[in-house]
Amino acid sequence: MQNDGLFNVVVVLVRAAVRFGPRSREELLTACGVGVEGVDESRAGTTLTRWTELGLFSTNENIVCLREPYRTMLGKNPDIAESRLPNVLRSIALAPENNLRFWEAKENKSADLNRGLSWILAQDIYTIDTSSHQKIDALESSQVADESKRILQNDTRWNGLRTWMVYLGFGRNGSPVTIDPTLALRDSLDQIFGDEQTLAARQFVDRIAEVLPVLDGGSYRKQIEDLLKGSAWAKLPDDTLSTALSRAIRRLGHEGVIATEQRSDTEAGITLIGAEQRLWLRMTHVRRIAA
């Protein structure tokens, strides 16, 4: 995702839209500080345009407002809206309509972001070096032979991915950044479980792939994995999860949010792995624990 969509600018725009309601484009940007010395007018304007294209805002006769259902989801309190915003932006960015031009270089909406997320979440999180773009570029170059389909060709793209990965719940801040989709998975449990309390492990993983298609088995993830060279990236067996998703499930188990169960040695299950591909556990069912 290009820098004209950085999340801190989106936060300011959303807080103003929640507080002041529908306003002209000029009034909304003024409420965000445009016109004040030190505020980047072009960055605010391009971010508003980008998130209008993606569907967060709507414009009618130059009046800008938050689009439904997001206006209702965010609520009427700016602080609450800000706390809910990562979940809303994640759902918008992952939406199929914003990824129709998945391999196009231009006008691809949020496909750049999802190509990057899919690639980095497919890596071994215990061996990848995220300390610099140079390290990331070397790894990607070894895995993706087609230069036209490389995702993180420069430092600007890498910095953008790092920022969004953390904000959307697929990583944790630090030096270096840590790949960890726990927050995104936790925020998605209502969609994954629905009204059910217990799911078969395969059903659980399949629903994760539907809700978070940059994770194992997801439609965006599969397109990236199809690119990767077997000599530089090892595809896991169908019943084994990536180290990233394994980490997230195990963390939610430790937090008491879900419980993994192995009800039968003969029943088809899913394997979680850790560092050096070490077997963590095998599960046949996943149960959601009520708060």
C-alpha atoms as a PDB file:
ATOM      1  CA  MET A   1       0.000   0.000   0.000  1.00  0.00           C
ATOM      2  CA  GLN A   2       1.345   3.402  -0.964  1.00  0.00           C
ATOM      3  CA  ASN A   3       2.370   5.992   1.594  1.00  0.00           C
ATOM      4  CA  ASP A   4      -0.638   8.178   0.785  1.00  0.00           C
ATOM      5  CA  GLY A   5      -2.647   5.757   2.914  1.00  0.00           C
ATOM      6  CA  LEU A   6      -0.608   5.761   6.124  1.00  0.00           C
ATOM      7  CA  PHE A   7      -2.737   4.852   9.087  1.00  0.00           C
ATOM      8  CA  ASN A   8      -1.945   7.847  11.320  1.00  0.00           C
ATOM      9  CA  VAL A   9      -3.492  10.170   8.732  1.00  0.00           C
ATOM     10  CA  VAL A  10      -6.540   7.898   8.426  1.00  0.00           C
ATOM     11  CA  VAL A  11      -6.949   8.033  12.213  1.00  0.00           C
ATOM     12  CA  VAL A  12      -7.076  11.840  12.163  1.00  0.00           C
ATOM     13  CA  LEU A  13      -9.578  11.854   9.286  1.00  0.00           C
ATOM     14  CA  VAL A  14     -11.854   9.330  10.992  1.00  0.00           C
ATOM     15  CA  ARG A  15     -11.776  11.114  14.339  1.00  0.00           C
ATOM     16  CA  ALA A  16     -12.797  14.342  12.611  1.00  0.00           C
ATOM     17  CA  ALA A  17     -15.538  12.611  10.609  1.00  0.00           C
ATOM     18  CA  VAL A  18     -16.950  11.009  13.760  1.00  0.00           C
ATOM     19  CA  ARG A  19     -16.808  14.220  15.757  1.00  0.00           C
ATOM     20  CA  PHE A  20     -18.168  16.648  13.167  1.00  0.00           C
ATOM     21  CA  GLY A  21     -20.299  14.428  10.941  1.00  0.00           C
ATOM     22  CA  PRO A  22     -20.799  15.035   7.201  1.00  0.00           C
ATOM     23  CA  ARG A  23     -18.755  17.984   5.973  1.00  0.00           C
ATOM     24  CA  SER A  24     -17.450  19.335   2.719  1.00  0.00           C
ATOM     25  CA  ARG A  25     -14.053  17.978   1.731  1.00  0.00           C
ATOM     26  CA  GLU A  26     -12.459  21.332   2.514  1.00  0.00           C
ATOM     27  CA  GLU A  27     -14.119  21.561   5.949  1.00  0.00           C
ATOM     28  CA  LEU A  28     -13.077  18.030   6.867  1.00  0.00           C
ATOM     29  CA  LEU A  29      -9.471  18.640   5.856  1.00  0.00           C
ATOM     30  CA  THR A  30      -9.455  21.938   7.758  1.00  0.00           C
ATOM     31  CA  ALA A  31     -10.737  20.113  10.848  1.00  0.00           C
ATOM     32  CA  CYS A  32      -7.733  17.797  10.455  1.00  0.00           C
ATOM     33  CA  GLY A  33      -5.338  20.731  10.596  1.00  0.00           C
ATOM     34  CA  VAL A  34      -4.821  21.420   6.912  1.00  0.00           C
ATOM     35  CA  GLY A  35      -3.815  25.064   6.591  1.00  0.00           C
ATOM     36  CA  VAL A  36      -1.870  25.005   9.842  1.00  0.00           C
ATOM     37  CA  GLU A  37       1.879  25.359   9.489  1.00  0.00           C
ATOM     38  CA  GLY A  38       3.605  21.984   9.575  1.00  0.00           C
ATOM     39  CA  VAL A  39       0.599  19.951   8.413  1.00  0.00           C
ATOM     40  CA  ASP A  40       1.145  18.178   5.082  1.00  0.00           C
ATOM     41  CA  GLU A  41      -1.873  19.219   3.009  1.00  0.00           C
ATOM     42  CA  SER A  42      -1.118  16.853   0.134  1.00  0.00           C
ATOM     43  CA  ARG A  43      -0.767  13.835   2.424  1.00  0.00           C
ATOM     44  CA  ALA A  44      -4.159  14.460   4.067  1.00  0.00           C
ATOM     45  CA  GLY A  45      -5.854  14.984   0.712  1.00  0.00           C
ATOM     46  CA  THR A  46      -4.393  11.917  -0.972  1.00  0.00           C
ATOM     47  CA  THR A  47      -5.195   9.755   2.057  1.00  0.00           C
ATOM     48  CA  LEU A  48      -8.818  10.912   1.999  1.00  0.00           C
ATOM     49  CA  THR A  49      -8.991  10.151  -1.726  1.00  0.00           C
ATOM     50  CA  ARG A  50      -7.445   6.719  -1.256  1.00  0.00           C
ATOM     51  CA  TRP A  51      -9.834   5.662   1.528  1.00  0.00           C
ATOM     52  CA  THR A  52     -12.799   7.017  -0.399  1.00  0.00           C
ATOM     53  CA  GLU A  53     -11.752   4.744  -3.277  1.00  0.00           C
ATOM     54  CA  LEU A  54     -11.484   1.808  -0.863  1.00  0.00           C
ATOM     55  CA  GLY A  55     -14.939   2.477   0.584  1.00  0.00           C
ATOM     56  CA  LEU A  56     -14.375   3.913   4.066  1.00  0.00           C
ATOM     57  CA  PHE A  57     -15.717   7.342   3.081  1.00  0.00           C
ATOM     58  CA  SER A  58     -18.417   8.340   0.617  1.00  0.00           C
ATOM     59  CA  THR A  59     -18.776  11.620  -1.239  1.00  0.00           C
ATOM     60  CA  ASN A  60     -22.001  13.164  -2.484  1.00  0.00           C
ATOM     61  CA  GLU A  61     -21.936  16.648  -4.003  1.00  0.00           C
ATOM     62  CA  ASN A  62     -18.626  17.349  -2.213  1.00  0.00           C
ATOM     63  CA  ILE A  63     -20.044  16.277   1.165  1.00  0.00           C
ATOM     64  CA  VAL A  64     -17.836  13.635   2.777  1.00  0.00           C
ATOM     65  CA  CYS A  65     -19.022  11.207   5.428  1.00  0.00           C
ATOM     66  CA  LEU A  66     -18.176   7.777   6.757  1.00  0.00           C
ATOM     67  CA  ARG A  67     -19.850   5.093   4.722  1.00  0.00           C
ATOM     68  CA  GLU A  68     -22.171   2.485   6.186  1.00  0.00           C
ATOM     69  CA  PRO A  69     -21.759  -0.003   7.751  1.00  0.00           C
ATOM     70  CA  TYR A  70     -18.519   1.564   8.968  1.00  0.00           C
ATOM     71  CA  ARG A  71     -20.145   4.668  10.443  1.00  0.00           C
ATOM     72  CA  THR A  72     -22.287   2.467  12.702  1.00  0.00           C
ATOM     73  CA  MET A  73     -19.388   0.126  13.503  1.00  0.00           C
ATOM     74  CA  LEU A  74     -17.150   3.013  14.552  1.00  0.00           C
ATOM     75  CA  GLY A  75     -19.796   4.736  16.673  1.00  0.00           C
ATOM     76  CA  LYS A  76     -20.163   8.349  17.745  1.00  0.00           C
ATOM     77  CA  ASN A  77     -17.239   8.687  20.160  1.00  0.00           C
ATOM     78  CA  PRO A  78     -13.898   9.564  18.517  1.00  0.00           C
ATOM     79  CA  ASP A  79     -11.847   7.626  21.086  1.00  0.00           C
ATOM     80  CA  ILE A  80     -13.958   4.487  20.688  1.00  0.00           C
ATOM     81  CA  ALA A  81     -13.890   4.909  16.916  1.00  0.00           C
ATOM     82  CA  GLU A  82     -10.100   5.029  16.964  1.00  0.00           C
ATOM     83  CA  SER A  83      -9.920   1.820  19.000  1.00  0.00           C
ATOM     84  CA  ARG A  84     -12.236   0.061  16.523  1.00  0.00           C
ATOM     85  CA  LEU A  85     -10.562   1.434  13.425  1.00  0.00           C
ATOM     86  CA  PRO A  86      -7.878  -1.266  12.881  1.00  0.00           C
ATOM     87  CA  ASN A  87     -10.570  -3.937  12.619  1.00  0.00           C
ATOM     88  CA  VAL A  88     -12.564  -1.826  10.163  1.00  0.00           C
ATOM     89  CA  LEU A  89      -9.571  -0.963   7.994  1.00  0.00           C
ATOM     90  CA  ARG A  90      -8.447  -4.584   7.954  1.00  0.00           C
ATOM     91  CA  SER A  91     -11.844  -5.743   6.680  1.00  0.00           C
ATOM     92  CA  ILE A  92     -11.817  -3.044   3.998  1.00  0.00           C
ATOM     93  CA  ALA A  93      -8.271  -3.797   2.878  1.00  0.00           C
ATOM     94  CA  LEU A  94      -8.980  -7.540   2.650  1.00  0.00           C
ATOM     95  CA  ALA A  95     -12.310  -7.140   0.832  1.00  0.00           C
ATOM     96  CA  PRO A  96     -12.442  -8.916  -2.563  1.00  0.00           C
ATOM     97  CA  GLU A  97     -13.615  -5.770  -4.357  1.00  0.00           C
ATOM     98  CA  ASN A  98     -10.390  -4.026  -3.313  1.00  0.00           C
ATOM     99  CA  ASN A  99      -8.195  -6.831  -4.659  1.00  0.00           C
ATOM    100  CA  LEU A 100      -9.649  -7.543  -8.095  1.00  0.00           C
ATOM    101  CA  ARG A 101      -6.478  -6.327  -9.843  1.00  0.00           C
ATOM    102  CA  PHE A 102      -4.231  -8.434  -7.633  1.00  0.00           C
ATOM    103  CA  TRP A 103      -1.214  -8.487  -9.957  1.00  0.00           C
ATOM    104  CA  GLU A 104      -1.643  -5.081 -11.562  1.00  0.00           C
ATOM    105  CA  ALA A 105       1.028  -2.473 -10.855  1.00  0.00           C
ATOM    106  CA  LYS A 106      -1.440   0.431 -10.931  1.00  0.00           C
ATOM    107  CA  GLU A 107      -4.966   1.031  -9.659  1.00  0.00           C
ATOM    108  CA  ASN A 108      -4.819  -2.173  -7.637  1.00  0.00           C
ATOM    109  CA  LYS A 109      -6.373  -0.595  -4.529  1.00  0.00           C
ATOM    110  CA  SER A 110      -5.162  -2.668  -1.551  1.00  0.00           C
ATOM    111  CA  ALA A 111      -3.591  -5.539  -3.512  1.00  0.00           C
ATOM    112  CA  ASP A 112      -0.054  -4.225  -2.893  1.00  0.00           C
ATOM    113  CA  LEU A 113      -0.619  -4.535   0.834  1.00  0.00           C
ATOM    114  CA  ASN A 114      -2.099  -8.013   0.640  1.00  0.00           C
ATOM    115  CA  ARG A 115       0.649  -9.318  -1.612  1.00  0.00           C
ATOM    116  CA  GLY A 116       3.161  -8.103   0.950  1.00  0.00           C
ATOM    117  CA  LEU A 117       1.260  -9.520   3.927  1.00  0.00           C
ATOM    118  CA  SER A 118       0.756 -12.861   2.204  1.00  0.00           C
ATOM    119  CA  TRP A 119       4.441 -13.161   1.416  1.00  0.00           C
ATOM    120  CA  ILE A 120       5.790 -12.241   4.827  1.00  0.00           C
ATOM    121  CA  LEU A 121       3.229 -14.384   6.694  1.00  0.00           C
ATOM    122  CA  ALA A 122       4.316 -17.368   4.580  1.00  0.00           C
ATOM    123  CA  GLN A 123       7.899 -17.111   5.864  1.00  0.00           C
ATOM    124  CA  ASP A 124       9.484 -18.978   8.756  1.00  0.00           C
ATOM    125  CA  ILE A 125       9.055 -16.329  11.432  1.00  0.00           C
ATOM    126  CA  TYR A 126      11.936 -17.753  13.466  1.00  0.00           C
ATOM    127  CA  THR A 127      14.565 -17.462  10.740  1.00  0.00           C
ATOM    128  CA  ILE A 128      13.507 -14.398   8.724  1.00  0.00           C
ATOM    129  CA  ASP A 129      15.590 -11.274   9.325  1.00  0.00           C
ATOM    130  CA  THR A 130      13.310  -8.215   9.323  1.00  0.00           C
ATOM    131  CA  SER A 131      15.996  -5.785  10.486  1.00  0.00           C
ATOM    132  CA  SER A 132      16.451  -4.082   7.103  1.00  0.00           C
ATOM    133  CA  HIS A 133      15.051  -3.823   3.607  1.00  0.00           C
ATOM    134  CA  GLN A 134      18.336  -5.216   2.301  1.00  0.00           C
ATOM    135  CA  LYS A 135      17.734  -8.509   4.141  1.00  0.00           C
ATOM    136  CA  ILE A 136      14.099  -8.680   3.061  1.00  0.00           C
ATOM    137  CA  ASP A 137      14.949  -7.880  -0.553  1.00  0.00           C
ATOM    138  CA  ALA A 138      17.586 -10.617  -0.672  1.00  0.00           C
ATOM    139  CA  LEU A 139      15.121 -13.185   0.674  1.00  0.00           C
ATOM    140  CA  GLU A 140      12.338 -12.162  -1.691  1.00  0.00           C
ATOM    141  CA  SER A 141      14.706 -12.179  -4.669  1.00  0.00           C
ATOM    142  CA  SER A 142      15.743 -15.744  -3.835  1.00  0.00           C
ATOM    143  CA  GLN A 143      12.102 -16.876  -3.747  1.00  0.00           C
ATOM    144  CA  VAL A 144      10.438 -14.896  -6.557  1.00  0.00           C
ATOM    145  CA  ALA A 145      12.060 -15.396  -9.955  1.00  0.00           C
ATOM    146  CA  ASP A 146       9.701 -13.047 -11.832  1.00  0.00           C
ATOM    147  CA  GLU A 147      10.996  -9.541 -11.092  1.00  0.00           C
ATOM    148  CA  SER A 148       7.723  -7.983 -12.240  1.00  0.00           C
ATOM    149  CA  LYS A 149       5.939  -9.737  -9.371  1.00  0.00           C
ATOM    150  CA  ARG A 150       8.329  -8.851  -6.582  1.00  0.00           C
ATOM    151  CA  ILE A 151       6.574  -6.945  -3.856  1.00  0.00           C
ATOM    152  CA  LEU A 152       9.150  -5.128  -1.738  1.00  0.00           C
ATOM    153  CA  GLN A 153      11.551  -3.714  -4.312  1.00  0.00           C
ATOM    154  CA  ASN A 154      12.488  -0.648  -2.284  1.00  0.00           C
ATOM    155  CA  ASP A 155      12.752   0.667   1.250  1.00  0.00           C
ATOM    156  CA  THR A 156       9.581   2.748   0.907  1.00  0.00           C
ATOM    157  CA  ARG A 157       7.472  -0.337   0.216  1.00  0.00           C
ATOM    158  CA  TRP A 158       9.106  -2.263   3.063  1.00  0.00           C
ATOM    159  CA  ASN A 159       8.524   0.562   5.554  1.00  0.00           C
ATOM    160  CA  GLY A 160       4.905   0.816   4.429  1.00  0.00           C
ATOM    161  CA  LEU A 161       4.355  -2.914   4.899  1.00  0.00           C
ATOM    162  CA  ARG A 162       5.973  -2.893   8.346  1.00  0.00           C
ATOM    163  CA  THR A 163       3.743  -0.043   9.473  1.00  0.00           C
ATOM    164  CA  TRP A 164       0.500  -1.561   8.188  1.00  0.00           C
ATOM    165  CA  MET A 165       1.399  -5.073   9.334  1.00  0.00           C
ATOM    166  CA  VAL A 166       1.608  -3.881  12.930  1.00  0.00           C
ATOM    167  CA  TYR A 167      -1.430  -1.584  12.795  1.00  0.00           C
ATOM    168  CA  LEU A 168      -3.684  -4.243  11.262  1.00  0.00           C
ATOM    169  CA  GLY A 169      -2.678  -6.872  13.812  1.00  0.00           C
ATOM    170  CA  PHE A 170      -0.319  -9.041  11.773  1.00  0.00           C
ATOM    171  CA  GLY A 171       2.853  -7.988  13.589  1.00  0.00           C
ATOM    172  CA  ARG A 172       4.309  -6.413  16.708  1.00  0.00           C
ATOM    173  CA  ASN A 173       6.418  -3.279  16.952  1.00  0.00           C
ATOM    174  CA  GLY A 174      10.033  -3.646  17.895  1.00  0.00           C
ATOM    175  CA  SER A 175      13.515  -3.554  16.506  1.00  0.00           C
ATOM    176  CA  PRO A 176      13.225  -5.598  14.399  1.00  0.00           C
ATOM    177  CA  VAL A 177       9.479  -5.941  13.781  1.00  0.00           C
ATOM    178  CA  THR A 178       7.976  -9.297  14.827  1.00  0.00           C
ATOM    179  CA  ILE A 179       5.666 -11.243  12.515  1.00  0.00           C
ATOM    180  CA  ASP A 180       2.659 -12.206  14.628  1.00  0.00           C
ATOM    181  CA  PRO A 181      -0.991 -12.316  13.440  1.00  0.00           C
ATOM    182  CA  THR A 182      -2.407 -12.938  16.927  1.00  0.00           C
ATOM    183  CA  LEU A 183      -4.289  -9.641  17.179  1.00  0.00           C
ATOM    184  CA  ALA A 184      -5.868 -10.001  13.731  1.00  0.00           C
ATOM    185  CA  LEU A 185      -6.944 -13.548  14.580  1.00  0.00           C
ATOM    186  CA  ARG A 186      -8.329 -12.537  17.980  1.00  0.00           C
ATOM    187  CA  ASP A 187     -10.352  -9.717  16.430  1.00  0.00           C
ATOM    188  CA  SER A 188     -11.791 -12.142  13.859  1.00  0.00           C
ATOM    189  CA  LEU A 189     -13.047 -14.859  16.215  1.00  0.00           C
ATOM    190  CA  ASP A 190     -16.671 -13.663  16.080  1.00  0.00           C
ATOM    191  CA  GLN A 191     -16.680 -14.129  12.300  1.00  0.00           C
ATOM    192  CA  ILE A 192     -14.806 -17.424  12.497  1.00  0.00           C
ATOM    193  CA  PHE A 193     -16.974 -19.101  15.134  1.00  0.00           C
ATOM    194  CA  GLY A 194     -20.300 -17.371  14.500  1.00  0.00           C
ATOM    195  CA  ASP A 195     -22.836 -18.917  16.881  1.00  0.00           C
ATOM    196  CA  GLU A 196     -20.791 -22.081  17.346  1.00  0.00           C
ATOM    197  CA  GLN A 197     -18.575 -22.762  20.325  1.00  0.00           C
ATOM    198  CA  THR A 198     -16.522 -25.642  18.921  1.00  0.00           C
ATOM    199  CA  LEU A 199     -15.204 -26.239  15.413  1.00  0.00           C
ATOM    200  CA  ALA A 200     -13.336 -29.134  13.860  1.00  0.00           C
ATOM    201  CA  ALA A 201      -9.722 -28.067  13.392  1.00  0.00           C
ATOM    202  CA  ARG A 202      -9.914 -28.153   9.596  1.00  0.00           C
ATOM    203  CA  GLN A 203     -13.125 -26.119   9.637  1.00  0.00           C
ATOM    204  CA  PHE A 204     -11.467 -23.601  11.977  1.00  0.00           C
ATOM    205  CA  VAL A 205      -8.503 -23.170   9.637  1.00  0.00           C
ATOM    206  CA  ASP A 206     -10.742 -22.939   6.557  1.00  0.00           C
ATOM    207  CA  ARG A 207     -12.782 -20.171   8.173  1.00  0.00           C
ATOM    208  CA  ILE A 208      -9.614 -18.296   9.099  1.00  0.00           C
ATOM    209  CA  ALA A 209      -8.649 -18.446   5.423  1.00  0.00           C
ATOM    210  CA  GLU A 210     -12.018 -16.969   4.424  1.00  0.00           C
ATOM    211  CA  VAL A 211     -11.891 -14.104   6.927  1.00  0.00           C
ATOM    212  CA  LEU A 212      -8.135 -13.428   6.721  1.00  0.00           C
ATOM    213  CA  PRO A 213      -7.141 -14.520   3.196  1.00  0.00           C
ATOM    214  CA  VAL A 214      -3.489 -13.546   3.701  1.00  0.00           C
ATOM    215  CA  LEU A 215      -3.137 -16.480   6.121  1.00  0.00           C
ATOM    216  CA  ASP A 216      -2.802 -20.210   5.444  1.00  0.00           C
ATOM    217  CA  GLY A 217      -5.136 -21.429   2.700  1.00  0.00           C
ATOM    218  CA  GLY A 218      -6.478 -17.950   1.925  1.00  0.00           C
ATOM    219  CA  SER A 219      -7.093 -16.862  -1.655  1.00  0.00           C
ATOM    220  CA  TYR A 220      -4.430 -14.120  -1.596  1.00  0.00           C
ATOM    221  CA  ARG A 221      -1.930 -16.334   0.200  1.00  0.00           C
ATOM    222  CA  LYS A 222      -2.316 -19.133  -2.359  1.00  0.00           C
ATOM    223  CA  GLN A 223      -1.541 -16.773  -5.226  1.00  0.00           C
ATOM    224  CA  ILE A 224       1.706 -15.749  -3.548  1.00  0.00           C
ATOM    225  CA  GLU A 225       2.718 -19.287  -2.609  1.00  0.00           C
ATOM    226  CA  ASP A 226       2.267 -20.361  -6.227  1.00  0.00           C
ATOM    227  CA  LEU A 227       5.058 -17.904  -7.135  1.00  0.00           C
ATOM    228  CA  LEU A 228       7.669 -19.088  -4.661  1.00  0.00           C
ATOM    229  CA  LYS A 229      10.538 -21.280  -5.782  1.00  0.00           C
ATOM    230  CA  GLY A 230      10.729 -24.641  -4.061  1.00  0.00           C
ATOM    231  CA  SER A 231      14.494 -24.359  -3.766  1.00  0.00           C
ATOM    232  CA  ALA A 232      14.177 -21.274  -1.544  1.00  0.00           C
ATOM    233  CA  TRP A 233      10.821 -21.815   0.188  1.00  0.00           C
ATOM    234  CA  ALA A 234       9.518 -25.109   1.529  1.00  0.00           C
ATOM    235  CA  LYS A 235       5.791 -25.727   1.158  1.00  0.00           C
ATOM    236  CA  LEU A 236       4.322 -27.330   4.270  1.00  0.00           C
ATOM    237  CA  PRO A 237       2.044 -30.390   4.247  1.00  0.00           C
ATOM    238  CA  ASP A 238      -1.677 -29.592   4.001  1.00  0.00           C
ATOM    239  CA  ASP A 239      -2.242 -30.606   7.631  1.00  0.00           C
ATOM    240  CA  THR A 240       0.558 -28.373   8.991  1.00  0.00           C
ATOM    241  CA  LEU A 241       0.174 -24.662   9.705  1.00  0.00           C
ATOM    242  CA  SER A 242       2.764 -21.970   9.086  1.00  0.00           C
ATOM    243  CA  THR A 243       4.881 -20.781  11.978  1.00  0.00           C
ATOM    244  CA  ALA A 244       2.989 -17.453  11.928  1.00  0.00           C
ATOM    245  CA  LEU A 245      -0.494 -18.941  12.272  1.00  0.00           C
ATOM    246  CA  SER A 246       0.789 -21.587  14.690  1.00  0.00           C
ATOM    247  CA  ARG A 247       2.128 -18.810  16.910  1.00  0.00           C
ATOM    248  CA  ALA A 248      -1.181 -16.922  16.853  1.00  0.00           C
ATOM    249  CA  ILE A 249      -3.266 -19.987  17.747  1.00  0.00           C
ATOM    250  CA  ARG A 250      -0.901 -20.985  20.516  1.00  0.00           C
ATOM    251  CA  ARG A 251      -0.874 -17.472  21.981  1.00  0.00           C
ATOM    252  CA  LEU A 252      -4.675 -17.337  22.019  1.00  0.00           C
ATOM    253  CA  GLY A 253      -4.626 -20.687  23.787  1.00  0.00           C
ATOM    254  CA  HIS A 254      -2.240 -19.370  26.432  1.00  0.00           C
ATOM    255  CA  GLU A 255      -4.460 -16.298  26.860  1.00  0.00           C
ATOM    256  CA  GLY A 256      -7.467 -18.522  27.533  1.00  0.00           C
ATOM    257  CA  VAL A 257      -9.385 -17.215  24.527  1.00  0.00           C
ATOM    258  CA  ILE A 258      -9.540 -20.572  22.751  1.00  0.00           C
ATOM    259  CA  ALA A 259      -8.683 -24.160  23.652  1.00  0.00           C
ATOM    260  CA  THR A 260      -7.174 -26.656  21.231  1.00  0.00           C
ATOM    261  CA  GLU A 261      -8.206 -30.279  21.692  1.00  0.00           C
ATOM    262  CA  GLN A 262      -7.151 -33.653  20.334  1.00  0.00           C
ATOM    263  CA  ARG A 263     -10.158 -35.873  20.777  1.00  0.00           C
ATOM    264  CA  SER A 264      -8.909 -38.897  18.856  1.00  0.00           C
ATOM    265  CA  ASP A 265      -5.600 -40.123  17.479  1.00  0.00           C
ATOM    266  CA  THR A 266      -7.397 -41.461  14.425  1.00  0.00           C
ATOM    267  CA  GLU A 267      -9.360 -38.311  13.591  1.00  0.00           C
ATOM    268  CA  ALA A 268      -7.995 -35.943  10.949  1.00  0.00           C
ATOM    269  CA  GLY A 269      -6.234 -33.065  12.646  1.00  0.00           C
ATOM    270  CA  ILE A 270      -4.027 -30.039  12.165  1.00  0.00           C
ATOM    271  CA  THR A 271      -0.417 -29.679  13.314  1.00  0.00           C
ATOM    272  CA  LEU A 272       1.087 -26.523  14.840  1.00  0.00           C
ATOM    273  CA  ILE A 273       4.836 -26.000  14.552  1.00  0.00           C
ATOM    274  CA  GLY A 274       7.436 -23.766  16.179  1.00  0.00           C
ATOM    275  CA  ALA A 275      11.111 -22.959  15.685  1.00  0.00           C
ATOM    276  CA  GLU A 276      13.076 -25.384  13.511  1.00  0.00           C
ATOM    277  CA  GLN A 277       9.741 -26.886  12.401  1.00  0.00           C
ATOM    278  CA  ARG A 278       9.399 -28.470  15.832  1.00  0.00           C
ATOM    279  CA  LEU A 279       6.013 -30.070  16.501  1.00  0.00           C
ATOM    280  CA  TRP A 280       4.081 -28.065  19.074  1.00  0.00           C
ATOM    281  CA  LEU A 281       0.778 -29.872  19.125  1.00  0.00           C
ATOM    282  CA  ARG A 282      -1.813 -31.592  17.007  1.00  0.00           C
ATOM    283  CA  MET A 283      -5.460 -30.602  17.274  1.00  0.00           C
ATOM    284  CA  THR A 284      -8.693 -32.075  15.994  1.00  0.00           C
ATOM    285  CA  HIS A 285     -10.999 -29.401  17.448  1.00  0.00           C
ATOM    286  CA  VAL A 286     -10.856 -25.792  18.608  1.00  0.00           C
ATOM    287  CA  ARG A 287     -13.183 -24.488  21.295  1.00  0.00           C
ATOM    288  CA  ARG A 288     -13.913 -20.847  21.986  1.00  0.00           C
ATOM    289  CA  ILE A 289     -13.867 -19.936  25.653  1.00  0.00           C
ATOM    290  CA  ALA A 290     -16.494 -17.453  26.806  1.00  0.00           C
ATOM    291  CA  ALA A 291     -15.156 -14.237  28.317  1.00  0.00           C
END
